[in-house]
Protein backbone atom coordinates (compact mmCIF):
# COMPACT_ATOMS: atom_id res chain seq x y z
CA UNK A 1 0.00 0.00 0.00
CA UNK A 2 1.43 3.36 -0.98
CA UNK A 3 1.77 6.15 1.58
CA UNK A 4 -0.03 9.36 0.87
CA UNK A 5 1.96 12.61 0.39
CA UNK A 6 0.34 13.95 3.58
CA UNK A 7 1.67 11.03 5.69
CA UNK A 8 5.17 11.43 4.21
CA UNK A 9 5.22 15.14 5.06
CA UNK A 10 4.07 14.41 8.62
CA UNK A 11 6.79 11.79 9.12
CA UNK A 12 9.46 14.14 7.80
CA UNK A 13 8.26 16.92 10.15
CA UNK A 14 8.36 14.61 13.16
CA UNK A 15 11.85 13.42 12.23
CA UNK A 16 13.06 17.00 11.85
CA UNK A 17 11.60 17.98 15.21
CA UNK A 18 13.29 15.00 16.86
CA UNK A 19 16.68 15.85 15.35
CA UNK A 20 16.31 19.48 16.47
CA UNK A 21 15.47 18.37 20.03
CA UNK A 22 18.48 16.03 20.12
CA UNK A 23 20.78 18.77 18.87
CA UNK A 24 19.45 21.17 21.55
CA UNK A 25 19.97 18.54 24.27
CA UNK A 26 23.52 17.90 23.08
CA UNK A 27 24.29 21.63 23.20
CA UNK A 28 22.93 21.91 26.74
CA UNK A 29 25.03 18.96 27.91
CA UNK A 30 28.14 20.44 26.30
CA UNK A 31 27.48 23.78 28.02
CA UNK A 32 27.58 22.26 31.51
CA UNK A 33 31.22 22.20 32.72
CA UNK A 34 32.35 18.85 34.04
CA UNK A 35 32.98 18.59 37.78
CA UNK A 36 36.64 18.76 38.72
CA UNK A 37 37.95 15.29 39.40
CA UNK A 38 39.66 14.75 42.76
CA UNK A 39 43.44 14.91 42.45
CA UNK A 40 45.71 12.59 44.46
CA UNK A 41 49.06 14.13 45.48
CA UNK A 42 51.74 11.91 47.01
CA UNK A 43 54.88 13.84 46.00
CA UNK A 44 56.67 15.29 49.02
CA UNK A 45 56.02 18.91 48.04
CA UNK A 46 53.45 18.27 45.32
CA UNK A 47 50.58 20.71 44.80
CA UNK A 48 47.58 21.46 42.61
CA UNK A 49 45.11 24.33 42.09
CA UNK A 50 41.46 24.24 43.19
CA UNK A 51 38.65 26.67 42.35
CA UNK A 52 41.10 28.39 40.01
CA UNK A 53 42.41 30.46 42.93
CA UNK A 54 43.85 28.36 45.79
CA UNK A 55 46.77 25.93 46.01
CA UNK A 56 46.53 22.58 47.82
CA UNK A 57 49.96 21.30 48.91
CA UNK A 58 51.12 17.99 50.40
CA UNK A 59 54.08 19.65 52.17
CA UNK A 60 55.58 16.58 53.88
CA UNK A 61 58.71 18.07 55.38
CA UNK A 62 59.26 16.28 58.72
CA UNK A 63 59.19 12.57 57.84
CA UNK A 64 60.20 10.11 55.13
CA UNK A 65 57.00 8.09 55.61
CA UNK A 66 54.41 8.17 52.85
CA UNK A 67 51.77 10.90 52.87
CA UNK A 68 49.09 11.61 50.27
CA UNK A 69 46.39 14.26 50.04
CA UNK A 70 43.36 14.28 47.77
CA UNK A 71 42.42 17.75 46.50
CA UNK A 72 38.66 18.22 46.12
CA UNK A 73 36.55 20.98 44.59
CA UNK A 74 36.38 22.82 47.91
CA UNK A 75 39.41 21.69 49.93
CA UNK A 76 41.33 18.47 50.55
CA UNK A 77 41.49 15.35 52.69
CA UNK A 78 44.51 13.56 54.07
CA UNK A 79 44.27 10.19 52.32
CA UNK A 80 47.42 8.57 53.70
CA UNK A 81 49.55 9.65 56.66
CA UNK A 82 51.99 6.92 57.59
CA UNK A 83 54.41 6.98 60.49
CA UNK A 84 54.77 9.10 63.61
CA UNK A 85 57.24 11.51 65.21
CA UNK A 86 57.86 12.42 68.88
CA UNK A 87 55.17 14.71 70.29
CA UNK A 88 57.77 16.92 72.02
CA UNK A 89 59.22 17.97 68.66
CA UNK A 90 58.11 19.24 65.28
CA UNK A 91 55.16 17.65 63.39
CA UNK A 92 55.45 15.40 60.34
CA UNK A 93 54.08 17.85 57.80
CA UNK A 94 51.66 20.64 57.02
CA UNK A 95 49.20 19.52 54.32
CA UNK A 96 47.23 22.66 53.57
CA UNK A 97 45.40 24.95 51.17
CA UNK A 98 46.52 28.54 50.73
CA UNK A 99 46.02 31.95 49.19
CA UNK A 100 49.26 33.83 48.48
CA UNK A 101 52.83 32.72 47.94
CA UNK A 102 54.72 29.84 49.55
CA UNK A 103 58.31 29.11 48.51
CA UNK A 104 57.76 30.75 45.06
CA UNK A 105 54.49 28.83 44.55
CA UNK A 106 51.83 31.56 44.24
CA UNK A 107 48.11 30.92 43.99
CA UNK A 108 46.47 32.12 40.73
CA UNK A 109 45.27 35.73 40.80
CA UNK A 110 46.40 36.43 44.36
CA UNK A 111 47.08 40.02 45.40
CA UNK A 112 49.55 38.86 48.05
CA UNK A 113 52.07 39.93 49.20
CA UNK A 114 50.25 43.08 50.33
CA UNK A 115 51.41 45.71 52.80
CA UNK A 116 49.60 45.40 56.12
CA UNK A 117 48.81 49.12 56.37
CA UNK A 118 47.11 48.96 52.96
CA UNK A 119 44.74 46.08 53.81
CA UNK A 120 41.25 47.14 54.90
CA UNK A 121 39.99 43.61 55.61
CA UNK A 122 40.82 39.98 54.89
CA UNK A 123 37.65 37.91 55.34
CA UNK A 124 38.13 34.15 55.48
CA UNK A 125 36.16 31.03 56.33
CA UNK A 126 37.21 27.49 57.13
CA UNK A 127 35.47 24.20 57.82
CA UNK A 128 37.43 21.22 59.20
CA UNK A 129 36.73 17.50 59.39
CA UNK A 130 38.37 15.66 62.30
CA UNK A 131 39.11 11.98 62.97
CA UNK A 132 39.97 9.89 66.01
CA UNK A 133 43.15 7.88 66.51
CA UNK A 134 45.52 10.66 65.45
CA UNK A 135 47.68 13.24 67.20
CA UNK A 136 47.39 16.58 65.36
CA UNK A 137 46.41 20.19 65.40
CA UNK A 138 44.06 21.89 62.98
CA UNK A 139 46.18 24.90 62.21
CA UNK A 140 45.48 28.12 60.30
CA UNK A 141 48.71 29.93 59.35
CA UNK A 142 49.23 33.62 58.56
CA UNK A 143 52.70 34.70 57.36
CA UNK A 144 54.24 38.18 57.66
CA UNK A 145 57.57 39.61 56.50
CA UNK A 146 59.30 43.02 56.34
CA UNK A 147 59.67 42.52 52.56
CA UNK A 148 57.19 41.38 49.88
CA UNK A 149 59.01 38.07 49.55
CA UNK A 150 57.51 35.11 47.76
CA UNK A 151 60.20 32.58 48.70
CA UNK A 152 61.83 31.14 51.80
CA UNK A 153 60.98 31.65 55.46
CA UNK A 154 59.05 34.74 56.57
CA UNK A 155 59.89 36.65 59.74
CA UNK A 156 56.67 36.06 61.72
CA UNK A 157 54.15 33.23 61.71
CA UNK A 158 50.70 33.60 63.24
CA UNK A 159 49.11 30.24 64.06
CA UNK A 160 45.44 29.74 64.96
CA UNK A 161 44.91 26.34 66.56
CA UNK A 162 41.28 25.39 65.89
CA UNK A 163 41.77 21.99 67.50
CA UNK A 164 44.55 19.98 69.15
CA UNK A 165 44.49 16.29 69.99
CA UNK A 166 47.21 14.59 72.04
CA UNK A 167 50.15 15.77 74.16
CA UNK A 168 51.24 18.62 71.89
CA UNK A 169 51.64 22.36 72.43
CA UNK A 170 52.53 25.46 70.42
CA UNK A 171 56.08 26.78 70.10
CA UNK A 172 57.30 28.74 73.12
CA UNK A 173 55.18 29.30 76.20
CA UNK A 174 51.78 30.70 77.09
CA UNK A 175 51.97 34.43 77.79
CA UNK A 176 48.32 35.14 78.53
CA UNK A 177 44.94 35.13 76.89
CA UNK A 178 43.13 37.35 74.40
CA UNK A 179 39.73 37.99 72.88
CA UNK A 180 40.11 38.12 69.11
CA UNK A 181 37.23 38.12 66.66
CA UNK A 182 34.78 37.80 69.54
CA UNK A 183 36.36 34.55 70.83
CA UNK A 184 38.68 33.77 73.71
CA UNK A 185 42.12 32.28 72.98
CA UNK A 186 45.22 31.16 74.82
CA UNK A 187 48.20 33.19 73.53
CA UNK A 188 51.63 31.56 73.11
CA UNK A 189 54.82 33.15 71.78
CA UNK A 190 58.23 31.78 70.91
CA UNK A 191 60.68 31.07 68.09
CA UNK A 192 61.36 27.92 66.11
CA UNK A 193 64.88 29.06 65.30
CA UNK A 194 63.93 30.42 61.88
CA UNK A 195 61.07 32.78 62.63
CA UNK A 196 58.98 34.23 65.45
CA UNK A 197 55.70 32.48 66.20
CA UNK A 198 52.57 33.73 67.94
CA UNK A 199 49.86 31.12 68.45
CA UNK A 200 46.20 31.56 69.35
CA UNK A 201 44.80 28.32 70.77
CA UNK A 202 41.06 27.62 71.01
CA UNK A 203 40.15 26.30 74.48
CA UNK A 204 37.93 23.65 72.84
CA UNK A 205 37.65 22.23 69.33
CA UNK A 206 36.33 24.66 66.73
CA UNK A 207 35.30 22.92 63.49
CA UNK A 208 34.29 25.97 61.44
CA UNK A 209 34.49 29.76 61.61
CA UNK A 210 34.24 32.89 59.46
CA UNK A 211 36.46 35.77 60.57
CA UNK A 212 38.77 38.62 59.54
CA UNK A 213 42.43 37.61 59.31
CA UNK A 214 43.42 41.20 60.08
CA UNK A 215 42.14 40.86 63.66
CA UNK A 216 45.02 38.45 64.27
CA UNK A 217 47.52 40.49 62.24
CA UNK A 218 46.68 43.53 64.35
CA UNK A 219 47.43 41.47 67.47
CA UNK A 220 50.88 40.58 66.11
CA UNK A 221 51.55 44.26 65.34
CA UNK A 222 50.40 45.41 68.77
CA UNK A 223 52.65 42.84 70.47
CA UNK A 224 55.73 43.98 68.54
CA UNK A 225 55.97 40.89 66.31
CA UNK A 226 55.24 42.80 63.09
CA UNK A 227 54.95 46.35 61.76
CA UNK A 228 52.22 48.05 59.69
CA UNK A 229 54.75 48.50 56.85
CA UNK A 230 55.38 44.73 56.72
CA UNK A 231 53.72 42.45 54.20
CA UNK A 232 51.10 39.75 54.48
CA UNK A 233 52.47 37.03 52.19
CA UNK A 234 50.15 34.04 52.56
CA UNK A 235 47.07 32.70 54.34
CA UNK A 236 47.02 28.92 54.85
CA UNK A 237 44.73 26.34 56.46
CA UNK A 238 45.52 22.70 57.15
CA UNK A 239 46.85 20.23 59.70
CA UNK A 240 50.04 19.44 61.56
CA UNK A 241 49.98 15.67 62.25
CA UNK A 242 52.40 14.00 64.66
CA UNK A 243 50.86 10.51 64.57
CA UNK A 244 48.69 9.08 61.79
CA UNK A 245 46.10 11.55 60.44
CA UNK A 246 44.42 9.79 57.52
CA UNK A 247 40.90 11.15 57.09
CA UNK A 248 41.56 14.66 58.35
CA UNK A 249 39.96 17.14 55.93
CA UNK A 250 39.56 20.79 55.09
CA UNK A 251 35.98 20.63 53.84
CA UNK A 252 35.92 24.22 52.63
CA UNK A 253 38.20 27.26 52.55
CA UNK A 254 37.88 30.82 51.34
CA UNK A 255 40.21 33.81 51.58
CA UNK A 256 39.92 37.35 50.24
CA UNK A 257 42.28 40.27 50.87
CA UNK A 258 40.76 43.73 50.39
CA UNK A 259 43.31 46.48 49.90
CA UNK A 260 42.91 50.23 49.92
CA UNK A 261 43.88 51.38 53.38
CA UNK A 262 42.17 51.17 56.74
CA UNK A 263 44.94 49.52 58.74
CA UNK A 264 46.66 51.01 61.79
CA UNK A 265 49.38 53.58 61.11
CA UNK A 266 52.74 53.94 62.79
CA UNK A 267 53.50 56.90 65.07
CA UNK A 268 55.83 58.82 62.74
CA UNK A 269 58.22 60.54 65.11
CA UNK A 270 57.60 58.57 68.29
CA UNK A 271 55.26 58.03 71.20
CA UNK A 272 55.32 58.33 74.97
CA UNK A 273 53.27 56.48 77.58
CA UNK A 274 52.51 57.71 81.08
CA UNK A 275 51.40 54.90 83.42
CA UNK A 276 49.93 56.19 86.68
CA UNK A 277 48.78 53.52 89.16
CA UNK A 278 46.85 53.90 92.39
CA UNK A 279 47.60 50.90 94.61
CA UNK A 280 46.02 49.42 97.74
CA UNK A 281 46.39 46.04 99.37
CA UNK A 282 45.54 43.41 96.73
CA UNK A 283 44.13 45.88 94.20
CA UNK A 284 44.96 48.81 91.95
CA UNK A 285 43.80 51.11 89.18
CA UNK A 286 45.98 52.37 86.34
CA UNK A 287 45.50 55.54 84.33
CA UNK A 288 47.32 55.30 80.97
CA UNK A 289 48.03 58.26 78.70
CA UNK A 290 49.36 57.71 75.16
CA UNK A 291 51.07 60.75 73.65
CA UNK A 292 51.81 61.02 69.93
CA UNK A 293 55.11 62.92 69.83
CA UNK A 294 55.27 62.76 66.04
CA UNK A 295 54.11 65.10 63.28
CA UNK A 296 51.35 62.93 61.78
CA UNK A 297 48.17 61.49 63.26
CA UNK A 298 47.96 57.86 64.39
CA UNK A 299 44.80 56.07 63.24
CA UNK A 300 43.57 52.87 64.80
CA UNK A 301 45.95 52.77 67.78
CA UNK A 302 46.80 49.56 69.62
CA UNK A 303 48.93 49.71 72.76
CA UNK A 304 50.73 46.53 73.74
CA UNK A 305 52.24 45.82 77.16
CA UNK A 306 52.79 42.96 79.60
CA UNK A 307 51.40 42.93 83.12
CA UNK A 308 53.85 41.68 85.78
CA UNK A 309 53.23 38.24 87.23
CA UNK A 310 50.36 38.06 89.73
CA UNK A 311 48.34 40.94 88.23
CA UNK A 312 44.92 40.53 86.65
CA UNK A 313 42.58 43.11 85.05
CA UNK A 314 38.98 43.10 86.28
CA UNK A 315 37.55 46.09 84.39
CA UNK A 316 38.48 48.97 82.06
CA UNK A 317 37.27 52.26 80.57
CA UNK A 318 37.91 54.15 77.31
CA UNK A 319 39.53 51.06 75.71
CA UNK A 320 38.96 47.45 74.77
CA UNK A 321 41.52 45.11 76.36
CA UNK A 322 42.38 41.79 74.68
CA UNK A 323 43.74 40.02 77.76
CA UNK A 324 43.29 40.02 81.53
CA UNK A 325 46.81 38.94 82.47
CA UNK A 326 50.24 38.60 80.90
CA UNK A 327 50.41 40.18 77.44
CA UNK A 328 47.65 42.77 76.96
CA UNK A 329 46.59 44.79 73.94
CA UNK A 330 44.49 47.93 74.41
CA UNK A 331 42.52 49.23 71.42
CA UNK A 332 40.20 52.24 71.09
CA UNK A 333 36.47 52.47 71.56
CA UNK A 334 34.20 54.33 69.14
CA UNK A 335 35.14 57.89 70.12
CA UNK A 336 38.95 57.79 70.54
CA UNK A 337 40.38 55.92 67.57
CA UNK A 338 42.78 58.68 66.44
CA UNK A 339 45.70 60.29 68.23
CA UNK A 340 46.43 63.64 66.61
CA UNK A 341 49.97 64.82 66.01
CA UNK A 342 51.16 66.18 69.34
CA UNK A 343 47.96 64.94 70.97
CA UNK A 344 47.06 62.15 73.37
CA UNK A 345 44.44 59.60 74.33
CA UNK A 346 43.69 58.26 77.77
CA UNK A 347 42.26 55.01 79.14
CA UNK A 348 42.35 53.08 82.37
CA UNK A 349 41.67 49.80 84.08
CA UNK A 350 41.22 48.21 87.48
CA UNK A 351 42.85 45.00 88.66
CA UNK A 352 44.06 42.75 91.42
CA UNK A 353 47.58 41.64 92.32
CA UNK A 354 49.42 39.25 94.61
CA UNK A 355 52.89 39.68 96.07
CA UNK A 356 54.60 43.00 95.49
CA UNK A 357 53.19 45.51 92.98
CA UNK A 358 55.17 46.48 89.86
CA UNK A 359 54.47 48.48 86.71
CA UNK A 360 54.80 47.27 83.09
CA UNK A 361 58.32 47.97 81.87
CA UNK A 362 57.68 48.57 78.16
CA UNK A 363 54.93 49.68 75.75
CA UNK A 364 54.47 49.45 71.97
CA UNK A 365 52.10 51.58 69.89
CA UNK A 366 51.10 49.76 66.69
CA UNK A 367 54.28 47.77 67.00
CA UNK A 368 56.63 50.73 67.60
CA UNK A 369 58.37 51.04 70.98
CA UNK A 370 57.33 54.05 73.10
CA UNK A 371 59.31 55.88 75.74
CA UNK A 372 57.95 55.64 79.28
CA UNK A 373 57.26 58.98 80.97
């Protein structure tokens, strides 16, 4: 039986519509970018790029045992972490993800190194995944140097310990406590022989947080471990394992550095501090006057000093204080953030003491040493 012309035309139309639909579907599939495949890195210092902007590095520097990391779309996981090292020494490695430059390896599109005084904010977020049966810390590293170097060891390392498991401790010794970014931290300082280290240790495990890196940089400046004219060279997040560690993960990481000013400025020409205590048995108040003896204004002042042993702050006025004992950093409240050239700002605090009373012996204003009146 012969087909009619009408049926042939209908069949051709249906076939054409089907081919058009298939072509459209193929174009849509081609337009969807494939998901990035996980990348296994077992080379001692091997690395790869994720999200087109961060570097994941294996960084096995303290052991000859095998270690492998798997870079994911959003972070990495420690796939293999053989061997162990003594817990009273250095860790095995620092598998991590970073923004910036590390031993000439710079992340794509980074604006680091950047001068501290020119950074208005550096928002970051981190999410960790922990495991049992390992000795480790979850460590966030911030590196500072007097020069915009992209290679070698920087002068100062800021470590934020989000978690520590096992008989391990930061470099140096605990010098007090501080409130940074709205959280309380133990503060440790010391040197590893190559660079100065200041560590902020969470009192309990912290698996995720969003914060401003500059809050910790400002602490380093106020404590004399950096200067506003130094450079932020890299921002890193990862783990320091001493024993085992397979399964540890950075689930997500983000880091942005916004430049354009806003950081504290140095007192150009000097500063002077007058410390006037009123003391009674077991207690005291201190009235502190900061004088800018230079010719330019100081914006965003931070005064660093160390309370003698046995003293503890119980209250304050005209300033926010980062610690109650040991190393203390005073920063302005809303109305007194600038010290004019030749001008001064005043704040005070009340405290307790045991033993004999003594005054702090030295003060730094935004990292610069001040004379004591």
